[in-house]
C-alpha cells in the first residue's frame, strides 16, 4: 500500500515536471512568488543567486563539456552578463535612491518620484534575476546540455552594450561618495545593508 502511494506521488511529480509550462495555475503562482520574493529579499540574496548560476555554468562548461578554462570563463561570463548588469544597476540606483541619502542628495524630488524610480531601477531587476535563475532550475537538464550560442565568436553589439553599461554603473557606484557628498562610512553602511543577504 505504501509502495503504491509512493509510486503515485512519484508519477504525479514526474507529470508535473513535464507539463508545468502548460498549467496556468503554475504560471500565476510562479509570478506571485517571484514578485513577493523580489520585494522581500535584498540585493545580496540576488547576488548569491548569480554566484550559484555562475558556479553551475563552470561545472557545465568545465566538467560536463570538458572545455578549456578560457572557454569556460567566456561561456560563464556571457551567460551571466545580463544578470551582473541588472545587479549592478539595481545596486547603484538603490544607493543613489536610498531613502535617507536620496532625499538629502536630490533636493526637490518628491517621494513618489523616488518610489517609482526605485521600483523601475531596483525591484524590476530583482524580478528579472530571480526569473532567469528559476528558469535555469526548472530546465536544468536542457541548460546543462546547451552551450552559449556565441561561444568562441566575437562579442555581439548587445553584449558590448551590456559591458559598457556595466562599467558605467560600477563607476557611478564607486563614485557615489563624491557625487552624493556622503562619508565613506555611510557609503559602506548602505552597501552592507543591501548586500548582506540575511538583512531582509
Protein backbone atom coordinates (compact mmCIF):
# COMPACT_ATOMS: atom_id res chain seq x y z
CA UNK A 1 0.00 0.00 0.00
CA UNK A 2 2.79 2.39 0.97
CA UNK A 3 4.75 1.45 -2.16
CA UNK A 4 1.67 2.25 -4.30
CA UNK A 5 1.27 5.69 -2.66
CA UNK A 6 4.95 6.48 -3.15
CA UNK A 7 4.75 5.36 -6.77
CA UNK A 8 1.64 7.52 -7.32
CA UNK A 9 3.34 10.58 -5.82
CA UNK A 10 6.41 9.98 -7.97
CA UNK A 11 4.24 9.72 -11.09
CA UNK A 12 2.37 12.92 -10.18
CA UNK A 13 5.63 14.81 -9.64
CA UNK A 14 7.02 13.49 -12.91
CA UNK A 15 3.86 14.52 -14.76
CA UNK A 16 4.06 17.99 -13.18
CA UNK A 17 7.74 18.35 -14.16
CA UNK A 18 6.89 17.59 -17.80
CA UNK A 19 3.68 19.61 -18.05
CA UNK A 20 4.18 22.55 -15.65
CA UNK A 21 4.70 25.01 -18.54
CA UNK A 22 1.15 24.33 -19.76
CA UNK A 23 -0.57 24.91 -16.40
CA UNK A 24 -2.00 28.45 -15.94
CA UNK A 25 -2.12 27.99 -12.17
CA UNK A 26 1.61 27.22 -12.13
CA UNK A 27 2.39 30.42 -14.06
CA UNK A 28 0.19 32.52 -11.77
CA UNK A 29 1.72 31.05 -8.61
CA UNK A 30 5.22 31.33 -10.06
CA UNK A 31 4.67 35.02 -10.87
CA UNK A 32 3.21 35.83 -7.45
CA UNK A 33 6.02 34.07 -5.58
CA UNK A 34 8.65 35.75 -7.78
CA UNK A 35 7.20 39.20 -7.09
CA UNK A 36 6.91 38.55 -3.33
CA UNK A 37 10.48 37.23 -3.13
CA UNK A 38 11.81 40.21 -5.10
CA UNK A 39 10.00 42.61 -2.77
CA UNK A 40 11.14 40.95 0.46
CA UNK A 41 14.74 39.91 -0.26
CA UNK A 42 17.62 42.34 -0.54
CA UNK A 43 20.18 42.54 -3.36
CA UNK A 44 22.68 40.33 -1.51
CA UNK A 45 20.32 37.38 -1.96
CA UNK A 46 20.21 38.02 -5.71
CA UNK A 47 24.00 38.29 -5.79
CA UNK A 48 24.08 34.79 -4.25
CA UNK A 49 21.70 33.54 -6.96
CA UNK A 50 24.07 34.90 -9.61
CA UNK A 51 27.03 33.20 -7.88
CA UNK A 52 25.06 29.93 -7.86
CA UNK A 53 24.29 30.34 -11.58
CA UNK A 54 27.96 31.08 -12.32
CA UNK A 55 29.03 28.01 -10.32
CA UNK A 56 26.58 25.84 -12.26
CA UNK A 57 27.91 27.20 -15.55
CA UNK A 58 31.51 26.50 -14.53
CA UNK A 59 30.53 22.89 -13.83
CA UNK A 60 28.64 22.77 -17.14
CA UNK A 61 31.45 24.06 -19.32
CA UNK A 62 34.40 22.53 -17.47
CA UNK A 63 33.16 19.21 -16.08
CA UNK A 64 30.27 18.26 -18.37
CA UNK A 65 31.55 19.55 -21.72
CA UNK A 66 35.28 19.35 -20.84
CA UNK A 67 36.11 22.76 -22.31
CA UNK A 68 39.27 24.73 -21.59
CA UNK A 69 39.32 27.29 -18.78
CA UNK A 70 39.34 30.05 -21.42
CA UNK A 71 36.07 28.82 -22.99
CA UNK A 72 34.63 28.03 -19.56
CA UNK A 73 35.25 31.60 -18.41
CA UNK A 74 33.90 33.01 -21.67
CA UNK A 75 30.73 30.92 -21.60
CA UNK A 76 30.12 31.61 -17.92
CA UNK A 77 30.55 35.39 -18.29
CA UNK A 78 28.36 35.52 -21.41
CA UNK A 79 25.57 33.57 -19.72
CA UNK A 80 25.63 35.76 -16.59
CA UNK A 81 26.40 39.12 -18.21
CA UNK A 82 22.79 40.36 -18.14
CA UNK A 83 22.36 39.25 -14.52
CA UNK A 84 25.55 41.07 -13.48
CA UNK A 85 24.40 44.21 -15.31
CA UNK A 86 20.96 44.09 -13.66
CA UNK A 87 22.50 43.61 -10.21
CA UNK A 88 24.96 46.44 -10.77
CA UNK A 89 22.23 48.83 -11.95
CA UNK A 90 19.96 47.85 -9.05
CA UNK A 91 22.76 48.31 -6.50
CA UNK A 92 23.82 51.67 -7.95
CA UNK A 93 20.27 53.02 -8.10
CA UNK A 94 19.48 51.64 -4.67
CA UNK A 95 22.41 53.57 -3.26
CA UNK A 96 21.52 56.79 -5.08
CA UNK A 97 17.83 56.48 -4.21
CA UNK A 98 18.28 55.31 -0.65
CA UNK A 99 15.55 56.94 1.42
CA UNK A 100 17.94 58.93 3.62
CA UNK A 101 20.74 59.59 1.15
CA UNK A 102 18.42 60.17 -1.83
CA UNK A 103 16.24 62.78 -0.15
CA UNK A 104 19.28 64.74 1.03
CA UNK A 105 21.19 64.44 -2.25
CA UNK A 106 18.31 65.07 -4.66
CA UNK A 107 16.55 68.09 -3.24
CA UNK A 108 13.13 68.92 -4.61
CA UNK A 109 12.42 65.41 -5.85
CA UNK A 110 9.15 64.14 -4.50
CA UNK A 111 8.97 60.88 -2.56
CA UNK A 112 6.57 59.48 -5.17
CA UNK A 113 9.17 60.03 -7.88
CA UNK A 114 11.80 58.24 -5.77
CA UNK A 115 9.40 55.35 -5.20
CA UNK A 116 8.72 54.98 -8.94
CA UNK A 117 12.44 55.21 -9.72
CA UNK A 118 13.20 52.60 -7.05
CA UNK A 119 10.53 50.29 -8.46
CA UNK A 120 11.93 50.55 -12.00
CA UNK A 121 15.60 50.54 -11.06
CA UNK A 122 15.74 48.09 -8.15
CA UNK A 123 12.61 45.96 -7.96
CA UNK A 124 12.29 45.08 -11.67
CA UNK A 125 15.95 43.94 -11.98
CA UNK A 126 15.44 41.71 -8.92
CA UNK A 127 12.36 40.15 -10.51
CA UNK A 128 14.26 39.52 -13.76
CA UNK A 129 17.31 37.99 -11.99
CA UNK A 130 15.06 35.66 -9.98
CA UNK A 131 13.01 34.75 -13.05
CA UNK A 132 16.16 33.90 -15.04
CA UNK A 133 17.55 31.81 -12.15
CA UNK A 134 14.30 29.88 -11.70
CA UNK A 135 14.09 29.29 -15.46
CA UNK A 136 17.52 27.66 -15.31
CA UNK A 137 16.46 25.49 -12.36
CA UNK A 138 13.19 24.43 -13.99
CA UNK A 139 15.04 23.47 -17.19
CA UNK A 140 18.33 22.41 -15.66
CA UNK A 141 18.85 19.40 -17.93
CA UNK A 142 18.50 21.47 -21.08
CA UNK A 143 20.64 24.24 -19.57
CA UNK A 144 23.46 21.81 -18.80
CA UNK A 145 23.34 20.32 -22.32
CA UNK A 146 23.24 23.65 -24.16
CA UNK A 147 26.33 25.80 -24.71
CA UNK A 148 26.08 29.55 -25.26
CA UNK A 149 25.17 30.14 -28.91
CA UNK A 150 28.00 32.64 -29.45
CA UNK A 151 30.74 30.73 -27.63
CA UNK A 152 34.05 31.35 -29.42
CA UNK A 153 32.61 34.19 -31.53
CA UNK A 154 33.15 37.95 -31.32
CA UNK A 155 31.02 39.93 -28.91
CA UNK A 156 27.62 40.85 -30.32
CA UNK A 157 26.56 44.51 -30.23
CA UNK A 158 24.11 43.73 -27.41
CA UNK A 159 26.89 42.16 -25.33
CA UNK A 160 29.12 45.20 -25.92
CA UNK A 161 26.29 47.45 -24.77
CA UNK A 162 25.82 45.32 -21.63
CA UNK A 163 29.56 45.56 -20.83
CA UNK A 164 29.54 49.33 -21.40
CA UNK A 165 26.50 49.82 -19.13
CA UNK A 166 28.03 47.51 -16.51
CA UNK A 167 31.23 49.58 -16.44
CA UNK A 168 29.27 52.86 -16.28
CA UNK A 169 27.07 51.62 -13.42
CA UNK A 170 30.13 50.39 -11.46
CA UNK A 171 31.92 53.72 -11.98
CA UNK A 172 28.81 55.54 -10.74
CA UNK A 173 28.57 53.16 -7.79
CA UNK A 174 32.13 53.73 -6.60
CA UNK A 175 31.92 57.47 -7.33
CA UNK A 176 28.82 57.76 -5.13
CA UNK A 177 30.57 59.19 -2.04
CA UNK A 178 31.94 62.09 -4.12
CA UNK A 179 28.78 62.56 -6.23
CA UNK A 180 26.38 62.45 -3.27
CA UNK A 181 28.78 64.17 -0.88
CA UNK A 182 28.42 61.47 1.74
CA UNK A 183 31.01 59.92 4.04
CA UNK A 184 32.72 56.70 3.12
CA UNK A 185 31.26 55.07 6.24
CA UNK A 186 27.71 55.96 5.09
CA UNK A 187 28.53 54.53 1.67
CA UNK A 188 29.80 51.26 3.19
CA UNK A 189 26.85 51.03 5.60
CA UNK A 190 24.34 51.42 2.76
CA UNK A 191 26.14 48.85 0.61
CA UNK A 192 26.28 46.44 3.55
CA UNK A 193 22.57 46.89 4.15
CA UNK A 194 21.88 45.99 0.53
CA UNK A 195 24.41 43.20 0.09
CA UNK A 196 24.32 41.18 3.33
CA UNK A 197 21.69 38.52 2.40
CA UNK A 198 20.26 37.93 5.86
CA UNK A 199 19.32 41.62 6.28
CA UNK A 200 15.76 41.32 4.94
